[in-house]
């Protein structure tokens, strides 16, 4: 099927908006993680309790 106009083909981000809700900053040696909410820019500090395997 051939479309008559290219305006019907939208890039994927326009068709299905995808937003990151959180960003994470990890400090493995200090066993600490910061979680930043993208919408409000509020952050929280979380202590890493489980061992991390690399």
PDB file of N, CA and C in Angstrom:
ATOM      1  N   UNK A   1       0.840  -1.175   0.000  1.00  0.00           N
ATOM      2  CA  UNK A   1       0.000   0.000   0.000  1.00  0.00           C
ATOM      3  C   UNK A   1       0.884   1.236   0.000  1.00  0.00           C
ATOM      4  N   UNK A   2       0.594   2.154  -0.888  1.00  0.00           N
ATOM      5  CA  UNK A   2       1.364   3.387  -1.001  1.00  0.00           C
ATOM      6  C   UNK A   2       0.521   4.531  -0.455  1.00  0.00           C
ATOM      7  N   UNK A   3       1.113   5.301   0.443  1.00  0.00           N
ATOM      8  CA  UNK A   3       0.411   6.457   1.000  1.00  0.00           C
ATOM      9  C   UNK A   3       0.597   7.657   0.085  1.00  0.00           C
ATOM     10  N   UNK A   4      -0.451   8.427  -0.079  1.00  0.00           N
ATOM     11  CA  UNK A   4      -0.382   9.579  -0.958  1.00  0.00           C
ATOM     12  C   UNK A   4       0.381  10.746  -0.369  1.00  0.00           C
ATOM     13  N   UNK A   5       0.492  10.816   0.916  1.00  0.00           N
ATOM     14  CA  UNK A   5       1.200  11.939   1.535  1.00  0.00           C
ATOM     15  C   UNK A   5       2.038  11.436   2.705  1.00  0.00           C
ATOM     16  N   UNK A   6       3.190  12.030   2.886  1.00  0.00           N
ATOM     17  CA  UNK A   6       4.097  11.640   3.965  1.00  0.00           C
ATOM     18  C   UNK A   6       3.674  12.235   5.306  1.00  0.00           C
ATOM     19  N   UNK A   7       2.723  13.134   5.315  1.00  0.00           N
ATOM     20  CA  UNK A   7       2.323  13.767   6.573  1.00  0.00           C
ATOM     21  C   UNK A   7       1.639  12.780   7.518  1.00  0.00           C
ATOM     22  N   UNK A   8       1.237  11.630   7.004  1.00  0.00           N
ATOM     23  CA  UNK A   8       0.616  10.625   7.855  1.00  0.00           C
ATOM     24  C   UNK A   8       1.641   9.838   8.660  1.00  0.00           C
ATOM     25  N   UNK A   9       2.891   9.862   8.225  1.00  0.00           N
ATOM     26  CA  UNK A   9       3.940   9.126   8.918  1.00  0.00           C
ATOM     27  C   UNK A   9       4.620  10.047   9.922  1.00  0.00           C
ATOM     28  N   UNK A  10       4.366   9.806  11.193  1.00  0.00           N
ATOM     29  CA  UNK A  10       4.951  10.624  12.243  1.00  0.00           C
ATOM     30  C   UNK A  10       6.075   9.853  12.920  1.00  0.00           C
ATOM     31  N   UNK A  11       7.090  10.553  13.379  1.00  0.00           N
ATOM     32  CA  UNK A  11       8.143   9.863  14.134  1.00  0.00           C
ATOM     33  C   UNK A  11       7.556   9.232  15.398  1.00  0.00           C
ATOM     34  N   UNK A  12       8.163   8.157  15.845  1.00  0.00           N
ATOM     35  CA  UNK A  12       7.655   7.421  16.999  1.00  0.00           C
ATOM     36  C   UNK A  12       7.471   8.284  18.249  1.00  0.00           C
ATOM     37  N   UNK A  13       8.405   9.189  18.611  1.00  0.00           N
ATOM     38  CA  UNK A  13       8.179   9.998  19.813  1.00  0.00           C
ATOM     39  C   UNK A  13       6.945  10.892  19.728  1.00  0.00           C
ATOM     40  N   UNK A  14       6.553  11.297  18.532  1.00  0.00           N
ATOM     41  CA  UNK A  14       5.364  12.130  18.386  1.00  0.00           C
ATOM     42  C   UNK A  14       4.115  11.272  18.538  1.00  0.00           C
ATOM     43  N   UNK A  15       4.139  10.070  17.981  1.00  0.00           N
ATOM     44  CA  UNK A  15       2.984   9.184  18.053  1.00  0.00           C
ATOM     45  C   UNK A  15       2.786   8.636  19.469  1.00  0.00           C
ATOM     46  N   UNK A  16       3.870   8.218  20.091  1.00  0.00           N
ATOM     47  CA  UNK A  16       3.811   7.634  21.432  1.00  0.00           C
ATOM     48  C   UNK A  16       4.785   8.403  22.318  1.00  0.00           C
ATOM     49  N   UNK A  17       4.315   9.448  22.992  1.00  0.00           N
ATOM     50  CA  UNK A  17       5.240  10.214  23.829  1.00  0.00           C
ATOM     51  C   UNK A  17       5.801   9.348  24.958  1.00  0.00           C
ATOM     52  N   UNK A  18       7.089   9.412  25.119  1.00  0.00           N
ATOM     53  CA  UNK A  18       7.768   8.611  26.127  1.00  0.00           C
ATOM     54  C   UNK A  18       8.584   9.559  26.995  1.00  0.00           C
ATOM     55  N   UNK A  19       8.288   9.587  28.272  1.00  0.00           N
ATOM     56  CA  UNK A  19       8.985  10.503  29.167  1.00  0.00           C
ATOM     57  C   UNK A  19       9.686   9.710  30.254  1.00  0.00           C
ATOM     58  N   UNK A  20      10.856  10.194  30.616  1.00  0.00           N
ATOM     59  CA  UNK A  20      11.538   9.620  31.768  1.00  0.00           C
ATOM     60  C   UNK A  20      10.915  10.220  33.017  1.00  0.00           C
ATOM     61  N   UNK A  21      10.565   9.389  33.942  1.00  0.00           N
ATOM     62  CA  UNK A  21       9.963   9.877  35.177  1.00  0.00           C
ATOM     63  C   UNK A  21      11.010  10.152  36.243  1.00  0.00           C
ATOM     64  N   UNK A  22      12.069   9.354  36.260  1.00  0.00           N
ATOM     65  CA  UNK A  22      13.093   9.498  37.284  1.00  0.00           C
ATOM     66  C   UNK A  22      14.476   9.417  36.667  1.00  0.00           C
ATOM     67  N   UNK A  23      15.438  10.057  37.320  1.00  0.00           N
ATOM     68  CA  UNK A  23      16.853   9.874  37.034  1.00  0.00           C
ATOM     69  C   UNK A  23      17.486   9.342  38.299  1.00  0.00           C
ATOM     70  N   UNK A  24      18.502   8.523  38.132  1.00  0.00           N
ATOM     71  CA  UNK A  24      19.162   7.925  39.278  1.00  0.00           C
ATOM     72  C   UNK A  24      20.648   8.231  39.228  1.00  0.00           C
ATOM     73  N   UNK A  25      21.220   8.581  40.373  1.00  0.00           N
ATOM     74  CA  UNK A  25      22.659   8.765  40.523  1.00  0.00           C
ATOM     75  C   UNK A  25      23.106   7.778  41.589  1.00  0.00           C
ATOM     76  N   UNK A  26      23.992   6.879  41.210  1.00  0.00           N
ATOM     77  CA  UNK A  26      24.433   5.823  42.121  1.00  0.00           C
ATOM     78  C   UNK A  26      25.859   6.077  42.592  1.00  0.00           C
ATOM     79  N   UNK A  27      26.085   5.912  43.884  1.00  0.00           N
ATOM     80  CA  UNK A  27      27.411   5.960  44.484  1.00  0.00           C
ATOM     81  C   UNK A  27      27.641   4.599  45.142  1.00  0.00           C
ATOM     82  N   UNK A  28      28.261   3.686  44.379  1.00  0.00           N
ATOM     83  CA  UNK A  28      28.411   2.309  44.851  1.00  0.00           C
ATOM     84  C   UNK A  28      29.282   2.216  46.101  1.00  0.00           C
ATOM     85  N   UNK A  29      30.400   2.935  46.109  1.00  0.00           N
ATOM     86  CA  UNK A  29      31.321   2.836  47.249  1.00  0.00           C
ATOM     87  C   UNK A  29      30.691   3.382  48.524  1.00  0.00           C
ATOM     88  N   UNK A  30      29.872   4.406  48.394  1.00  0.00           N
ATOM     89  CA  UNK A  30      29.208   4.991  49.565  1.00  0.00           C
ATOM     90  C   UNK A  30      27.868   4.323  49.860  1.00  0.00           C
ATOM     91  N   UNK A  31      27.486   3.350  49.035  1.00  0.00           N
ATOM     92  CA  UNK A  31      26.210   2.638  49.168  1.00  0.00           C
ATOM     93  C   UNK A  31      25.035   3.613  49.241  1.00  0.00           C
ATOM     94  N   UNK A  32      25.009   4.549  48.305  1.00  0.00           N
ATOM     95  CA  UNK A  32      24.018   5.616  48.304  1.00  0.00           C
ATOM     96  C   UNK A  32      23.446   5.789  46.896  1.00  0.00           C
ATOM     97  N   UNK A  33      22.168   6.124  46.797  1.00  0.00           N
ATOM     98  CA  UNK A  33      21.536   6.409  45.517  1.00  0.00           C
ATOM     99  C   UNK A  33      20.654   7.643  45.671  1.00  0.00           C
ATOM    100  N   UNK A  34      20.712   8.525  44.682  1.00  0.00           N
ATOM    101  CA  UNK A  34      19.829   9.678  44.635  1.00  0.00           C
ATOM    102  C   UNK A  34      18.818   9.465  43.520  1.00  0.00           C
ATOM    103  N   UNK A  35      17.549   9.679  43.814  1.00  0.00           N
ATOM    104  CA  UNK A  35      16.470   9.540  42.839  1.00  0.00           C
ATOM    105  C   UNK A  35      15.884  10.925  42.611  1.00  0.00           C
ATOM    106  N   UNK A  36      15.878  11.383  41.352  1.00  0.00           N
ATOM    107  CA  UNK A  36      15.384  12.713  41.003  1.00  0.00           C
ATOM    108  C   UNK A  36      14.144  12.558  40.142  1.00  0.00           C
ATOM    109  N   UNK A  37      13.035  13.123  40.590  1.00  0.00           N
ATOM    110  CA  UNK A  37      11.797  13.082  39.816  1.00  0.00           C
ATOM    111  C   UNK A  37      11.857  14.185  38.767  1.00  0.00           C
ATOM    112  N   UNK A  38      11.667  13.826  37.494  1.00  0.00           N
ATOM    113  CA  UNK A  38      11.825  14.775  36.399  1.00  0.00           C
ATOM    114  C   UNK A  38      10.754  15.860  36.390  1.00  0.00           C
ATOM    115  N   UNK A  39       9.537  15.536  36.761  1.00  0.00           N
ATOM    116  CA  UNK A  39       8.449  16.512  36.708  1.00  0.00           C
ATOM    117  C   UNK A  39       8.605  17.633  37.710  1.00  0.00           C
ATOM    118  N   UNK A  40       8.985  17.303  38.938  1.00  0.00           N
ATOM    119  CA  UNK A  40       9.043  18.304  40.006  1.00  0.00           C
ATOM    120  C   UNK A  40      10.460  18.664  40.412  1.00  0.00           C
ATOM    121  N   UNK A  41      11.441  17.910  39.943  1.00  0.00           N
ATOM    122  CA  UNK A  41      12.852  18.081  40.300  1.00  0.00           C
ATOM    123  C   UNK A  41      13.105  17.833  41.783  1.00  0.00           C
ATOM    124  N   UNK A  42      12.174  17.166  42.452  1.00  0.00           N
ATOM    125  CA  UNK A  42      12.404  16.778  43.839  1.00  0.00           C
ATOM    126  C   UNK A  42      13.305  15.559  43.854  1.00  0.00           C
ATOM    127  N   UNK A  43      14.104  15.437  44.895  1.00  0.00           N
ATOM    128  CA  UNK A  43      15.024  14.321  44.961  1.00  0.00           C
ATOM    129  C   UNK A  43      14.916  13.640  46.315  1.00  0.00           C
ATOM    130  N   UNK A  44      15.335  12.396  46.343  1.00  0.00           N
ATOM    131  CA  UNK A  44      15.385  11.648  47.590  1.00  0.00           C
ATOM    132  C   UNK A  44      16.672  10.839  47.620  1.00  0.00           C
ATOM    133  N   UNK A  45      17.164  10.627  48.822  1.00  0.00           N
ATOM    134  CA  UNK A  45      18.399   9.873  49.027  1.00  0.00           C
ATOM    135  C   UNK A  45      18.021   8.502  49.576  1.00  0.00           C
ATOM    136  N   UNK A  46      18.548   7.452  48.949  1.00  0.00           N
ATOM    137  CA  UNK A  46      18.219   6.082  49.323  1.00  0.00           C
ATOM    138  C   UNK A  46      19.517   5.350  49.651  1.00  0.00           C
ATOM    139  N   UNK A  47      19.526   4.642  50.765  1.00  0.00           N
ATOM    140  CA  UNK A  47      20.677   3.825  51.125  1.00  0.00           C
ATOM    141  C   UNK A  47      20.566   2.475  50.426  1.00  0.00           C
ATOM    142  N   UNK A  48      21.641   2.076  49.768  1.00  0.00           N
ATOM    143  CA  UNK A  48      21.668   0.784  49.078  1.00  0.00           C
ATOM    144  C   UNK A  48      22.013  -0.297  50.095  1.00  0.00           C
ATOM    145  N   UNK A  49      21.097  -1.213  50.304  1.00  0.00           N
ATOM    146  CA  UNK A  49      21.313  -2.251  51.313  1.00  0.00           C
ATOM    147  C   UNK A  49      21.668  -3.599  50.709  1.00  0.00           C
ATOM    148  N   UNK A  50      21.240  -3.869  49.485  1.00  0.00           N
ATOM    149  CA  UNK A  50      21.533  -5.152  48.846  1.00  0.00           C
ATOM    150  C   UNK A  50      22.906  -5.108  48.191  1.00  0.00           C
ATOM    151  N   UNK A  51      23.652  -6.205  48.242  1.00  0.00           N
ATOM    152  CA  UNK A  51      24.960  -6.228  47.568  1.00  0.00           C
ATOM    153  C   UNK A  51      24.787  -6.162  46.049  1.00  0.00           C
ATOM    154  N   UNK A  52      25.658  -5.431  45.415  1.00  0.00           N
ATOM    155  CA  UNK A  52      25.609  -5.271  43.961  1.00  0.00           C
ATOM    156  C   UNK A  52      26.634  -6.200  43.342  1.00  0.00           C
ATOM    157  N   UNK A  53      26.211  -6.976  42.367  1.00  0.00           N
ATOM    158  CA  UNK A  53      27.111  -7.902  41.669  1.00  0.00           C
ATOM    159  C   UNK A  53      27.490  -7.300  40.325  1.00  0.00           C
ATOM    160  N   UNK A  54      28.761  -7.360  40.009  1.00  0.00           N
ATOM    161  CA  UNK A  54      29.229  -6.837  38.723  1.00  0.00           C
ATOM    162  C   UNK A  54      29.776  -7.945  37.882  1.00  0.00           C
TER     163      UNK A  54
END
